[in-house]
């Protein structure tokens, strides 16, 4: 895991990001406290309960609004027709969440 602070071009664009790598999965969190936004990516090569995950994140950050994008990368890929980099994501599931809190 890795956590770091960053500064953008203006005072409002600072934040803290963290990444956790877990074997075949990862979670990344990018915060923008001045803008009251959090961006979270959850990737796993195994299925997981995306509804429950998003609900937990919504409650954890006391969000007032949530935008969620669920991805099933690799759906429709077959070995003979795709590059190795595309096959690396075969069968993975991802939840990308944008939370707004106040």
Protein backbone atom coordinates (compact mmCIF):
# COMPACT_ATOMS: atom_id res chain seq x y z
CA UNK A 1 0.00 0.00 0.00
CA UNK A 2 1.04 3.57 -0.59
CA UNK A 3 -0.41 6.90 0.60
CA UNK A 4 0.72 10.29 -0.61
CA UNK A 5 -0.33 13.94 -0.55
CA UNK A 6 -0.38 15.96 -3.75
CA UNK A 7 -0.86 19.60 -4.70
CA UNK A 8 -2.57 20.66 -7.92
CA UNK A 9 -2.45 23.95 -9.75
CA UNK A 10 -4.61 25.77 -7.18
CA UNK A 11 -5.40 25.61 -3.47
CA UNK A 12 -8.61 23.64 -4.19
CA UNK A 13 -6.76 20.90 -6.04
CA UNK A 14 -4.80 19.35 -3.18
CA UNK A 15 -5.64 15.97 -1.73
CA UNK A 16 -4.53 12.62 -0.46
CA UNK A 17 -4.44 9.42 -2.48
CA UNK A 18 -3.92 5.86 -1.42
CA UNK A 19 -3.46 2.61 -3.27
CA UNK A 20 -3.70 -0.89 -1.86
CA UNK A 21 -2.54 -3.84 -3.96
CA UNK A 22 -3.83 -7.24 -2.93
CA UNK A 23 -2.62 -10.05 -5.16
CA UNK A 24 -4.96 -9.89 -8.14
CA UNK A 25 -6.97 -6.91 -6.82
CA UNK A 26 -6.50 -3.25 -5.99
CA UNK A 27 -8.28 -0.35 -4.33
CA UNK A 28 -7.38 3.27 -5.01
CA UNK A 29 -8.80 6.35 -3.28
CA UNK A 30 -8.26 9.92 -4.48
CA UNK A 31 -9.59 12.75 -2.32
CA UNK A 32 -10.23 16.41 -3.03
CA UNK A 33 -11.20 17.80 0.41
CA UNK A 34 -11.68 21.42 -0.70
CA UNK A 35 -14.04 20.28 -3.46
CA UNK A 36 -15.65 17.66 -1.18
CA UNK A 37 -15.07 14.86 -3.71
CA UNK A 38 -13.67 11.35 -3.44
CA UNK A 39 -12.88 9.05 -6.36
CA UNK A 40 -12.56 5.36 -5.57
CA UNK A 41 -11.63 2.46 -7.86
CA UNK A 42 -12.04 -1.16 -6.78
CA UNK A 43 -10.70 -3.82 -9.14
CA UNK A 44 -10.71 -7.56 -8.60
CA UNK A 45 -10.08 -10.60 -10.75
CA UNK A 46 -12.75 -12.30 -8.64
CA UNK A 47 -16.40 -11.37 -8.40
CA UNK A 48 -17.53 -9.22 -5.49
CA UNK A 49 -20.77 -7.66 -4.27
CA UNK A 50 -20.59 -4.25 -5.96
CA UNK A 51 -23.87 -3.03 -4.45
CA UNK A 52 -22.68 -3.74 -0.91
CA UNK A 53 -19.25 -2.24 -1.65
CA UNK A 54 -20.78 0.99 -2.98
CA UNK A 55 -23.19 1.22 -0.05
CA UNK A 56 -20.34 0.83 2.46
CA UNK A 57 -18.29 3.53 0.71
CA UNK A 58 -21.30 5.87 0.56
CA UNK A 59 -21.86 5.48 4.31
CA UNK A 60 -18.16 5.62 5.20
CA UNK A 61 -17.65 8.98 3.48
CA UNK A 62 -21.10 10.28 4.53
CA UNK A 63 -21.75 11.11 0.89
CA UNK A 64 -24.68 13.17 -0.32
CA UNK A 65 -24.42 11.86 -3.89
CA UNK A 66 -22.74 8.92 -5.60
CA UNK A 67 -21.99 8.13 -9.23
CA UNK A 68 -21.05 4.51 -9.89
CA UNK A 69 -19.66 2.88 -13.02
CA UNK A 70 -19.53 -0.90 -13.02
CA UNK A 71 -17.23 -2.52 -15.52
CA UNK A 72 -16.80 -6.10 -16.58
CA UNK A 73 -13.55 -5.81 -18.56
CA UNK A 74 -12.79 -8.87 -20.58
CA UNK A 75 -16.38 -9.79 -21.34
CA UNK A 76 -16.39 -11.13 -24.87
CA UNK A 77 -12.62 -11.63 -25.08
CA UNK A 78 -11.28 -14.87 -26.42
CA UNK A 79 -7.64 -15.91 -26.46
CA UNK A 80 -6.98 -16.22 -30.22
CA UNK A 81 -8.25 -12.74 -31.10
CA UNK A 82 -6.76 -10.42 -28.46
CA UNK A 83 -3.41 -9.17 -27.19
CA UNK A 84 -1.95 -10.42 -23.90
CA UNK A 85 -2.58 -7.04 -22.23
CA UNK A 86 -6.30 -7.37 -23.00
CA UNK A 87 -6.39 -10.93 -21.74
CA UNK A 88 -4.80 -9.88 -18.47
CA UNK A 89 -8.07 -8.20 -17.57
CA UNK A 90 -10.25 -11.12 -18.63
CA UNK A 91 -12.80 -12.02 -16.01
CA UNK A 92 -12.12 -9.00 -13.81
CA UNK A 93 -14.79 -6.85 -12.21
CA UNK A 94 -14.42 -3.18 -11.38
CA UNK A 95 -16.45 -0.60 -9.51
CA UNK A 96 -15.57 3.05 -10.02
CA UNK A 97 -17.26 5.37 -7.57
CA UNK A 98 -17.37 9.17 -7.43
CA UNK A 99 -18.67 10.40 -4.06
CA UNK A 100 -19.69 13.93 -3.13
CA UNK A 101 -19.86 14.70 0.56
CA UNK A 102 -20.69 17.87 2.53
